[in-house]
Amino acid sequence: MWFDVVLALSIAALLRWLVVLPVCVKGDSMRETLHSGDRLISLKLPARLGRLRRGDVVICRYPNERRYYIKRLIGLPGEKLELHDGELFIDGRQLHEGYVTRITRRRFGPIELGAGQYFVLGDNRTNSRDSRSVGPLRARDIRAVAVLRIWPIARAGRIGWRL
């Protein structure tokens, strides 16, 4: 009996350490996609294996900070990004973002990402501290990819918007 309990706890701890990162959303930078108080399950493996894709909702840390942030992965290594007139352009082509409900007229870029650099933005562009202010992130700054909302139950389900 005790062996089973210890084994179960050990497996749970190993999964938490290597595979899963539970997250509670705080703030409005990802609104309307995510709301403050939402609880998410995120997977560490895509980030660790370098399998990050544009549109992933990622859990990241900004350079020299310990706090986690939740943002959308927009720019990939080697790409050139520019934001103007409320529209986002990657390598000169407009990116259609159906999840953005509040656009900003603020201009940004162009910025060219180097090898191993990623660019993240909040879906609520008027109220988000993201790569526009902290700069590009390194691969090691991206800790996990959010895959499932588990709370509130009424909005539980898969998270994702591949671009």
N, C-alpha and C. Protein backbone atom coordinates (compact mmCIF):
# COMPACT_ATOMS: atom_id res chain seq x y z
N MET A 1 0.82 -1.19 0.00
CA MET A 1 0.00 0.00 0.00
C MET A 1 0.87 1.27 0.00
N TRP A 2 1.84 1.38 0.94
CA TRP A 2 2.70 2.55 1.00
C TRP A 2 3.56 2.66 -0.25
N PHE A 3 3.97 1.51 -0.75
CA PHE A 3 4.77 1.52 -1.97
C PHE A 3 3.99 2.15 -3.12
N ASP A 4 2.71 1.79 -3.25
CA ASP A 4 1.87 2.34 -4.31
C ASP A 4 1.71 3.85 -4.18
N VAL A 5 1.53 4.32 -2.96
CA VAL A 5 1.38 5.76 -2.73
C VAL A 5 2.68 6.49 -3.08
N VAL A 6 3.80 5.96 -2.62
CA VAL A 6 5.09 6.58 -2.91
C VAL A 6 5.37 6.55 -4.40
N LEU A 7 5.06 5.45 -5.06
CA LEU A 7 5.26 5.34 -6.50
C LEU A 7 4.40 6.36 -7.24
N ALA A 8 3.13 6.46 -6.87
CA ALA A 8 2.23 7.42 -7.52
C ALA A 8 2.72 8.86 -7.33
N LEU A 9 3.13 9.19 -6.12
CA LEU A 9 3.64 10.54 -5.85
C LEU A 9 4.94 10.80 -6.61
N SER A 10 5.78 9.80 -6.72
CA SER A 10 7.04 9.95 -7.45
C SER A 10 6.78 10.18 -8.94
N ILE A 11 5.85 9.44 -9.50
CA ILE A 11 5.51 9.61 -10.91
C ILE A 11 4.91 10.99 -11.15
N ALA A 12 4.02 11.42 -10.25
CA ALA A 12 3.41 12.75 -10.38
C ALA A 12 4.48 13.84 -10.30
N ALA A 13 5.42 13.70 -9.38
CA ALA A 13 6.49 14.69 -9.24
C ALA A 13 7.38 14.71 -10.48
N LEU A 14 7.68 13.55 -11.02
CA LEU A 14 8.51 13.45 -12.22
C LEU A 14 7.81 14.11 -13.41
N LEU A 15 6.51 13.83 -13.57
CA LEU A 15 5.75 14.46 -14.65
C LEU A 15 5.74 15.97 -14.50
N ARG A 16 5.54 16.45 -13.30
CA ARG A 16 5.50 17.89 -13.04
C ARG A 16 6.86 18.52 -13.34
N TRP A 17 7.92 17.84 -12.99
CA TRP A 17 9.26 18.37 -13.19
C TRP A 17 9.69 18.34 -14.66
N LEU A 18 9.35 17.27 -15.37
CA LEU A 18 9.83 17.09 -16.74
C LEU A 18 8.83 17.45 -17.84
N VAL A 19 7.53 17.27 -17.59
CA VAL A 19 6.57 17.30 -18.69
C VAL A 19 5.53 18.42 -18.58
N VAL A 20 4.91 18.58 -17.43
CA VAL A 20 3.74 19.45 -17.30
C VAL A 20 4.05 20.67 -16.45
N LEU A 21 3.52 21.81 -16.87
CA LEU A 21 3.63 23.04 -16.08
C LEU A 21 2.22 23.62 -15.92
N PRO A 22 1.62 23.47 -14.74
CA PRO A 22 0.30 24.07 -14.52
C PRO A 22 0.45 25.59 -14.35
N VAL A 23 -0.51 26.35 -14.89
CA VAL A 23 -0.40 27.80 -14.89
C VAL A 23 -1.75 28.42 -14.56
N CYS A 24 -1.73 29.50 -13.79
CA CYS A 24 -2.93 30.31 -13.54
C CYS A 24 -2.71 31.67 -14.21
N VAL A 25 -3.64 32.06 -15.06
CA VAL A 25 -3.54 33.32 -15.79
C VAL A 25 -3.79 34.48 -14.83
N LYS A 26 -2.92 35.48 -14.90
CA LYS A 26 -3.10 36.71 -14.12
C LYS A 26 -2.93 37.89 -15.07
N GLY A 27 -3.94 38.73 -15.15
CA GLY A 27 -3.86 39.91 -16.02
C GLY A 27 -4.67 39.75 -17.28
N ASP A 28 -4.69 40.82 -18.08
CA ASP A 28 -5.53 40.88 -19.28
C ASP A 28 -4.75 40.93 -20.59
N SER A 29 -3.47 40.64 -20.58
CA SER A 29 -2.68 40.79 -21.80
C SER A 29 -3.04 39.77 -22.89
N MET A 30 -3.71 38.68 -22.53
CA MET A 30 -4.11 37.67 -23.53
C MET A 30 -5.63 37.66 -23.76
N ARG A 31 -6.32 38.64 -23.22
CA ARG A 31 -7.76 38.73 -23.40
C ARG A 31 -8.04 38.95 -24.87
N GLU A 32 -8.91 38.39 -25.51
CA GLU A 32 -10.05 37.56 -25.27
C GLU A 32 -9.74 36.06 -25.25
N THR A 33 -8.57 35.67 -25.61
CA THR A 33 -8.22 34.25 -25.63
C THR A 33 -8.23 33.66 -24.23
N LEU A 34 -7.58 34.33 -23.30
CA LEU A 34 -7.49 33.86 -21.92
C LEU A 34 -7.91 34.97 -20.98
N HIS A 35 -8.51 34.58 -19.86
CA HIS A 35 -8.98 35.55 -18.88
C HIS A 35 -8.25 35.33 -17.56
N SER A 36 -8.10 36.40 -16.80
CA SER A 36 -7.49 36.30 -15.49
C SER A 36 -8.26 35.28 -14.66
N GLY A 37 -7.54 34.35 -14.06
CA GLY A 37 -8.16 33.28 -13.28
C GLY A 37 -8.28 31.96 -14.02
N ASP A 38 -8.13 31.98 -15.35
CA ASP A 38 -8.13 30.72 -16.10
C ASP A 38 -6.98 29.85 -15.61
N ARG A 39 -7.21 28.56 -15.57
CA ARG A 39 -6.16 27.61 -15.19
C ARG A 39 -5.83 26.75 -16.41
N LEU A 40 -4.53 26.64 -16.67
CA LEU A 40 -4.06 25.97 -17.88
C LEU A 40 -3.11 24.84 -17.55
N ILE A 41 -3.08 23.88 -18.47
CA ILE A 41 -2.05 22.85 -18.46
C ILE A 41 -1.15 23.14 -19.66
N SER A 42 0.13 23.21 -19.41
CA SER A 42 1.08 23.43 -20.50
C SER A 42 2.11 22.32 -20.50
N LEU A 43 2.65 22.07 -21.68
CA LEU A 43 3.63 21.00 -21.86
C LEU A 43 5.02 21.59 -22.07
N LYS A 44 5.99 21.05 -21.36
CA LYS A 44 7.37 21.53 -21.46
C LYS A 44 8.11 20.95 -22.67
N LEU A 45 7.70 19.77 -23.11
CA LEU A 45 8.47 19.08 -24.15
C LEU A 45 8.59 19.84 -25.46
N PRO A 46 7.51 20.46 -26.00
CA PRO A 46 7.70 21.19 -27.26
C PRO A 46 8.78 22.27 -27.16
N ALA A 47 8.83 22.96 -26.02
CA ALA A 47 9.85 24.00 -25.84
C ALA A 47 11.23 23.37 -25.70
N ARG A 48 11.34 22.30 -24.95
CA ARG A 48 12.64 21.66 -24.74
C ARG A 48 13.19 21.03 -26.02
N LEU A 49 12.28 20.55 -26.86
CA LEU A 49 12.71 19.88 -28.10
C LEU A 49 12.81 20.84 -29.28
N GLY A 50 12.52 22.13 -29.05
CA GLY A 50 12.59 23.10 -30.14
C GLY A 50 11.46 22.98 -31.13
N ARG A 51 10.32 22.48 -30.69
CA ARG A 51 9.17 22.30 -31.59
C ARG A 51 8.14 23.41 -31.38
N LEU A 52 8.61 24.62 -31.43
CA LEU A 52 7.74 25.78 -31.25
C LEU A 52 7.24 26.25 -32.61
N ARG A 53 5.95 26.62 -32.64
CA ARG A 53 5.36 27.06 -33.91
C ARG A 53 4.62 28.38 -33.72
N ARG A 54 4.60 29.14 -34.80
CA ARG A 54 3.88 30.40 -34.77
C ARG A 54 2.43 30.15 -34.35
N GLY A 55 1.94 30.96 -33.43
CA GLY A 55 0.58 30.81 -32.95
C GLY A 55 0.48 30.07 -31.63
N ASP A 56 1.54 29.39 -31.22
CA ASP A 56 1.54 28.72 -29.92
C ASP A 56 1.34 29.75 -28.81
N VAL A 57 0.55 29.41 -27.82
CA VAL A 57 0.46 30.21 -26.60
C VAL A 57 1.53 29.64 -25.68
N VAL A 58 2.52 30.47 -25.36
CA VAL A 58 3.68 29.97 -24.63
C VAL A 58 3.78 30.57 -23.24
N ILE A 59 4.42 29.81 -22.36
CA ILE A 59 4.76 30.26 -21.03
C ILE A 59 6.25 30.61 -21.09
N CYS A 60 6.57 31.86 -20.78
CA CYS A 60 7.96 32.31 -20.95
C CYS A 60 8.40 33.17 -19.78
N ARG A 61 9.70 33.37 -19.72
CA ARG A 61 10.30 34.30 -18.76
C ARG A 61 11.06 35.33 -19.56
N TYR A 62 10.96 36.57 -19.12
CA TYR A 62 11.73 37.63 -19.77
C TYR A 62 13.14 37.65 -19.18
N PRO A 63 14.11 38.10 -19.96
CA PRO A 63 15.49 38.14 -19.46
C PRO A 63 15.59 38.86 -18.11
N ASN A 64 16.33 38.26 -17.21
CA ASN A 64 16.58 38.81 -15.87
C ASN A 64 15.34 38.90 -14.99
N GLU A 65 14.31 38.13 -15.29
CA GLU A 65 13.11 38.09 -14.45
C GLU A 65 12.80 36.64 -14.09
N ARG A 66 12.17 36.45 -12.95
CA ARG A 66 11.82 35.10 -12.50
C ARG A 66 10.36 34.76 -12.78
N ARG A 67 9.55 35.75 -12.99
CA ARG A 67 8.11 35.57 -13.18
C ARG A 67 7.81 34.98 -14.56
N TYR A 68 6.78 34.14 -14.61
CA TYR A 68 6.31 33.60 -15.89
C TYR A 68 5.31 34.54 -16.53
N TYR A 69 5.33 34.59 -17.86
CA TYR A 69 4.36 35.35 -18.64
C TYR A 69 3.72 34.41 -19.65
N ILE A 70 2.50 34.73 -20.04
CA ILE A 70 1.78 33.95 -21.05
C ILE A 70 1.58 34.85 -22.25
N LYS A 71 2.11 34.44 -23.39
CA LYS A 71 2.04 35.25 -24.61
C LYS A 71 1.87 34.33 -25.82
N ARG A 72 1.61 34.95 -26.96
CA ARG A 72 1.50 34.18 -28.21
C ARG A 72 2.82 34.30 -28.97
N LEU A 73 3.31 33.17 -29.45
CA LEU A 73 4.54 33.14 -30.24
C LEU A 73 4.22 33.61 -31.65
N ILE A 74 4.86 34.69 -32.05
CA ILE A 74 4.57 35.31 -33.35
C ILE A 74 5.75 35.18 -34.31
N GLY A 75 6.94 35.55 -33.85
CA GLY A 75 8.10 35.58 -34.73
C GLY A 75 9.06 34.45 -34.45
N LEU A 76 9.57 33.85 -35.52
CA LEU A 76 10.50 32.72 -35.44
C LEU A 76 11.90 33.16 -35.88
N PRO A 77 12.92 32.40 -35.53
CA PRO A 77 14.29 32.78 -35.88
C PRO A 77 14.45 33.12 -37.36
N GLY A 78 15.16 34.22 -37.63
CA GLY A 78 15.45 34.63 -38.99
C GLY A 78 14.38 35.47 -39.66
N GLU A 79 13.26 35.69 -39.00
CA GLU A 79 12.17 36.46 -39.62
C GLU A 79 12.30 37.95 -39.33
N LYS A 80 11.69 38.74 -40.20
CA LYS A 80 11.65 40.20 -40.03
C LYS A 80 10.20 40.58 -39.72
N LEU A 81 9.99 41.28 -38.60
CA LEU A 81 8.65 41.65 -38.15
C LEU A 81 8.48 43.16 -38.15
N GLU A 82 7.23 43.56 -38.44
CA GLU A 82 6.89 44.98 -38.41
C GLU A 82 5.40 45.11 -38.08
N LEU A 83 5.07 46.07 -37.23
CA LEU A 83 3.69 46.33 -36.84
C LEU A 83 3.38 47.78 -37.16
N HIS A 84 2.38 47.99 -38.03
CA HIS A 84 1.94 49.36 -38.30
C HIS A 84 0.49 49.36 -38.74
N ASP A 85 -0.21 50.44 -38.41
CA ASP A 85 -1.63 50.60 -38.71
C ASP A 85 -2.46 49.43 -38.21
N GLY A 86 -2.07 48.86 -37.08
CA GLY A 86 -2.82 47.76 -36.48
C GLY A 86 -2.59 46.42 -37.14
N GLU A 87 -1.72 46.35 -38.11
CA GLU A 87 -1.46 45.11 -38.85
C GLU A 87 -0.04 44.64 -38.60
N LEU A 88 0.12 43.32 -38.52
CA LEU A 88 1.42 42.71 -38.29
C LEU A 88 1.92 42.10 -39.59
N PHE A 89 3.17 42.39 -39.91
CA PHE A 89 3.79 41.86 -41.13
C PHE A 89 5.02 41.04 -40.76
N ILE A 90 5.14 39.88 -41.39
CA ILE A 90 6.30 39.01 -41.20
C ILE A 90 6.92 38.77 -42.56
N ASP A 91 8.17 39.16 -42.69
CA ASP A 91 8.88 39.08 -43.97
C ASP A 91 8.06 39.73 -45.09
N GLY A 92 7.43 40.86 -44.77
CA GLY A 92 6.68 41.63 -45.75
C GLY A 92 5.27 41.15 -46.03
N ARG A 93 4.87 40.04 -45.44
CA ARG A 93 3.52 39.50 -45.68
C ARG A 93 2.67 39.70 -44.44
N GLN A 94 1.44 40.16 -44.66
CA GLN A 94 0.54 40.42 -43.54
C GLN A 94 0.11 39.12 -42.88
N LEU A 95 0.14 39.11 -41.55
CA LEU A 95 -0.30 37.96 -40.78
C LEU A 95 -1.73 38.22 -40.32
N HIS A 96 -2.65 37.36 -40.69
CA HIS A 96 -4.06 37.52 -40.31
C HIS A 96 -4.26 36.83 -38.96
N GLU A 97 -4.62 37.62 -37.97
CA GLU A 97 -4.74 37.14 -36.60
C GLU A 97 -6.18 37.25 -36.12
N GLY A 98 -6.95 36.20 -36.26
CA GLY A 98 -8.35 36.21 -35.88
C GLY A 98 -8.59 36.32 -34.39
N TYR A 99 -7.59 36.07 -33.59
CA TYR A 99 -7.73 36.10 -32.14
C TYR A 99 -7.52 37.50 -31.56
N VAL A 100 -7.02 38.44 -32.34
CA VAL A 100 -6.78 39.79 -31.84
C VAL A 100 -8.05 40.61 -31.97
N THR A 101 -8.57 41.09 -30.83
CA THR A 101 -9.79 41.90 -30.86
C THR A 101 -9.50 43.38 -30.63
N ARG A 102 -8.39 43.69 -29.98
CA ARG A 102 -8.02 45.08 -29.73
C ARG A 102 -6.68 45.34 -30.41
N ILE A 103 -6.71 46.16 -31.44
CA ILE A 103 -5.47 46.45 -32.15
C ILE A 103 -4.88 47.75 -31.63
N THR A 104 -3.64 47.94 -31.91
CA THR A 104 -2.95 49.16 -31.53
C THR A 104 -2.47 49.87 -32.78
N ARG A 105 -2.53 51.15 -32.74
CA ARG A 105 -2.02 51.95 -33.86
C ARG A 105 -0.53 52.24 -33.69
N ARG A 106 0.01 51.80 -32.56
CA ARG A 106 1.43 52.02 -32.29
C ARG A 106 2.29 51.29 -33.32
N ARG A 107 3.28 51.95 -33.80
CA ARG A 107 4.18 51.36 -34.80
C ARG A 107 5.34 50.67 -34.10
N PHE A 108 5.78 49.57 -34.69
CA PHE A 108 6.93 48.85 -34.14
C PHE A 108 7.72 48.23 -35.28
N GLY A 109 9.03 48.29 -35.17
CA GLY A 109 9.89 47.62 -36.14
C GLY A 109 10.23 48.52 -37.31
N PRO A 110 10.84 47.91 -38.30
CA PRO A 110 11.09 46.48 -38.43
C PRO A 110 12.21 45.98 -37.50
N ILE A 111 12.08 44.72 -37.13
CA ILE A 111 13.09 44.04 -36.34
C ILE A 111 13.36 42.69 -36.98
N GLU A 112 14.63 42.35 -37.10
CA GLU A 112 14.99 41.05 -37.67
C GLU A 112 15.49 40.15 -36.54
N LEU A 113 14.89 38.98 -36.43
CA LEU A 113 15.26 38.03 -35.38
C LEU A 113 16.50 37.25 -35.79
N GLY A 114 17.38 37.06 -34.84
CA GLY A 114 18.59 36.29 -35.09
C GLY A 114 18.33 34.80 -34.88
N ALA A 115 19.37 34.02 -35.05
CA ALA A 115 19.26 32.58 -34.82
C ALA A 115 18.89 32.34 -33.36
N GLY A 116 17.91 31.48 -33.14
CA GLY A 116 17.50 31.15 -31.78
C GLY A 116 16.69 32.22 -31.08
N GLN A 117 16.22 33.23 -31.81
CA GLN A 117 15.41 34.28 -31.20
C GLN A 117 13.94 34.15 -31.59
N TYR A 118 13.07 34.47 -30.64
CA TYR A 118 11.62 34.39 -30.84
C TYR A 118 10.98 35.69 -30.40
N PHE A 119 9.83 36.00 -31.00
CA PHE A 119 9.11 37.24 -30.70
C PHE A 119 7.72 36.87 -30.22
N VAL A 120 7.35 37.37 -29.04
CA VAL A 120 6.04 37.07 -28.47
C VAL A 120 5.24 38.36 -28.30
N LEU A 121 3.92 38.23 -28.45
CA LEU A 121 3.00 39.35 -28.26
C LEU A 121 1.81 38.88 -27.46
N GLY A 122 1.23 39.79 -26.69
CA GLY A 122 -0.05 39.50 -26.04
C GLY A 122 -1.17 39.70 -27.05
N ASP A 123 -2.25 38.93 -26.93
CA ASP A 123 -3.37 39.09 -27.85
C ASP A 123 -4.06 40.44 -27.66
N ASN A 124 -4.04 40.98 -26.46
CA ASN A 124 -4.58 42.31 -26.17
C ASN A 124 -3.46 43.31 -26.39
N ARG A 125 -3.27 43.72 -27.63
CA ARG A 125 -2.11 44.51 -28.01
C ARG A 125 -2.03 45.86 -27.31
N THR A 126 -3.16 46.38 -26.84
CA THR A 126 -3.14 47.68 -26.17
C THR A 126 -2.74 47.57 -24.70
N ASN A 127 -2.67 46.35 -24.16
CA ASN A 127 -2.38 46.17 -22.74
C ASN A 127 -1.49 44.94 -22.53
N SER A 128 -0.30 44.98 -23.11
CA SER A 128 0.58 43.82 -22.99
C SER A 128 2.03 44.25 -22.96
N ARG A 129 2.74 43.73 -22.01
CA ARG A 129 4.20 43.88 -21.96
C ARG A 129 4.77 42.63 -22.62
N ASP A 130 5.41 42.81 -23.76
CA ASP A 130 5.84 41.67 -24.56
C ASP A 130 7.14 42.01 -25.27
N SER A 131 7.44 41.30 -26.35
CA SER A 131 8.72 41.51 -27.04
C SER A 131 8.87 42.92 -27.61
N ARG A 132 7.79 43.65 -27.75
CA ARG A 132 7.91 45.04 -28.21
C ARG A 132 8.69 45.87 -27.20
N SER A 133 8.58 45.52 -25.91
CA SER A 133 9.28 46.30 -24.89
C SER A 133 10.47 45.55 -24.27
N VAL A 134 10.42 44.24 -24.21
CA VAL A 134 11.53 43.49 -23.59
C VAL A 134 12.49 42.89 -24.61
N GLY A 135 12.14 42.97 -25.88
CA GLY A 135 13.00 42.43 -26.92
C GLY A 135 12.73 40.96 -27.21
N PRO A 136 13.43 40.41 -28.19
CA PRO A 136 13.24 39.00 -28.54
C PRO A 136 13.64 38.09 -27.39
N LEU A 137 13.04 36.92 -27.36
CA LEU A 137 13.37 35.91 -26.35
C LEU A 137 14.28 34.86 -26.95
N ARG A 138 15.08 34.26 -26.10
CA ARG A 138 15.90 33.13 -26.51
C ARG A 138 15.08 31.86 -26.34
N ALA A 139 15.47 30.80 -26.99
CA ALA A 139 14.74 29.54 -26.88
C ALA A 139 14.62 29.10 -25.43
N ARG A 140 15.65 29.29 -24.64
CA ARG A 140 15.60 28.85 -23.24
C ARG A 140 14.66 29.68 -22.38
N ASP A 141 14.25 30.86 -22.87
CA ASP A 141 13.29 31.70 -22.14
C ASP A 141 11.86 31.16 -22.27
N ILE A 142 11.62 30.34 -23.27
CA ILE A 142 10.29 29.77 -23.49
C ILE A 142 10.24 28.43 -22.78
N ARG A 143 9.41 28.33 -21.76
CA ARG A 143 9.41 27.17 -20.88
C ARG A 143 8.42 26.09 -21.27
N ALA A 144 7.27 26.49 -21.86
CA ALA A 144 6.23 25.50 -22.14
C ALA A 144 5.24 26.08 -23.15
N VAL A 145 4.41 25.18 -23.69
CA VAL A 145 3.33 25.56 -24.60
C VAL A 145 2.01 25.20 -23.94
N ALA A 146 1.12 26.19 -23.80
CA ALA A 146 -0.19 25.94 -23.19
C ALA A 146 -1.03 25.12 -24.17
N VAL A 147 -1.65 24.06 -23.66
CA VAL A 147 -2.43 23.18 -24.54
C VAL A 147 -3.87 22.99 -24.10
N LEU A 148 -4.17 23.24 -22.82
CA LEU A 148 -5.50 22.92 -22.31
C LEU A 148 -5.91 23.89 -21.21
N ARG A 149 -7.13 24.43 -21.35
CA ARG A 149 -7.71 25.22 -20.26
C ARG A 149 -8.56 24.25 -19.46
N ILE A 150 -8.32 24.18 -18.14
CA ILE A 150 -9.09 23.25 -17.30
C ILE A 150 -10.06 23.98 -16.37
N TRP A 151 -9.92 25.31 -16.28
CA TRP A 151 -10.83 26.10 -15.45
C TRP A 151 -10.96 27.48 -16.05
N PRO A 152 -12.16 28.02 -16.11
CA PRO A 152 -13.42 27.49 -15.61
C PRO A 152 -13.95 26.37 -16.50
N ILE A 153 -14.70 25.50 -15.89
CA ILE A 153 -15.23 24.33 -16.59
C ILE A 153 -16.02 24.73 -17.83
N ALA A 154 -16.78 25.81 -17.74
CA ALA A 154 -17.62 26.24 -18.87
C ALA A 154 -16.79 26.59 -20.10
N ARG A 155 -15.53 26.95 -19.93
CA ARG A 155 -14.67 27.28 -21.07
C ARG A 155 -13.49 26.32 -21.20
N ALA A 156 -13.59 25.18 -20.55
CA ALA A 156 -12.50 24.19 -20.62
C ALA A 156 -12.35 23.68 -22.05
N GLY A 157 -11.13 23.40 -22.43
CA GLY A 157 -10.88 22.85 -23.76
C GLY A 157 -9.49 23.18 -24.24
N ARG A 158 -9.24 22.75 -25.46
CA ARG A 158 -7.93 22.90 -26.08
C ARG A 158 -7.60 24.37 -26.35
N ILE A 159 -6.34 24.70 -26.24
CA ILE A 159 -5.87 26.05 -26.56
C ILE A 159 -4.97 25.92 -27.78
N GLY A 160 -5.12 26.83 -28.69
CA GLY A 160 -4.23 26.82 -29.83
C GLY A 160 -4.81 27.56 -31.01
N TRP A 161 -3.95 28.12 -31.78
CA TRP A 161 -4.34 28.85 -32.98
C TRP A 161 -3.12 28.85 -33.86
N ARG A 162 -2.98 27.83 -34.66
CA ARG A 162 -1.80 27.73 -35.53
C ARG A 162 -1.94 28.71 -36.68
N LEU A 163 -0.87 29.41 -36.97
CA LEU A 163 -0.88 30.40 -38.04
C LEU A 163 -0.03 29.94 -39.20
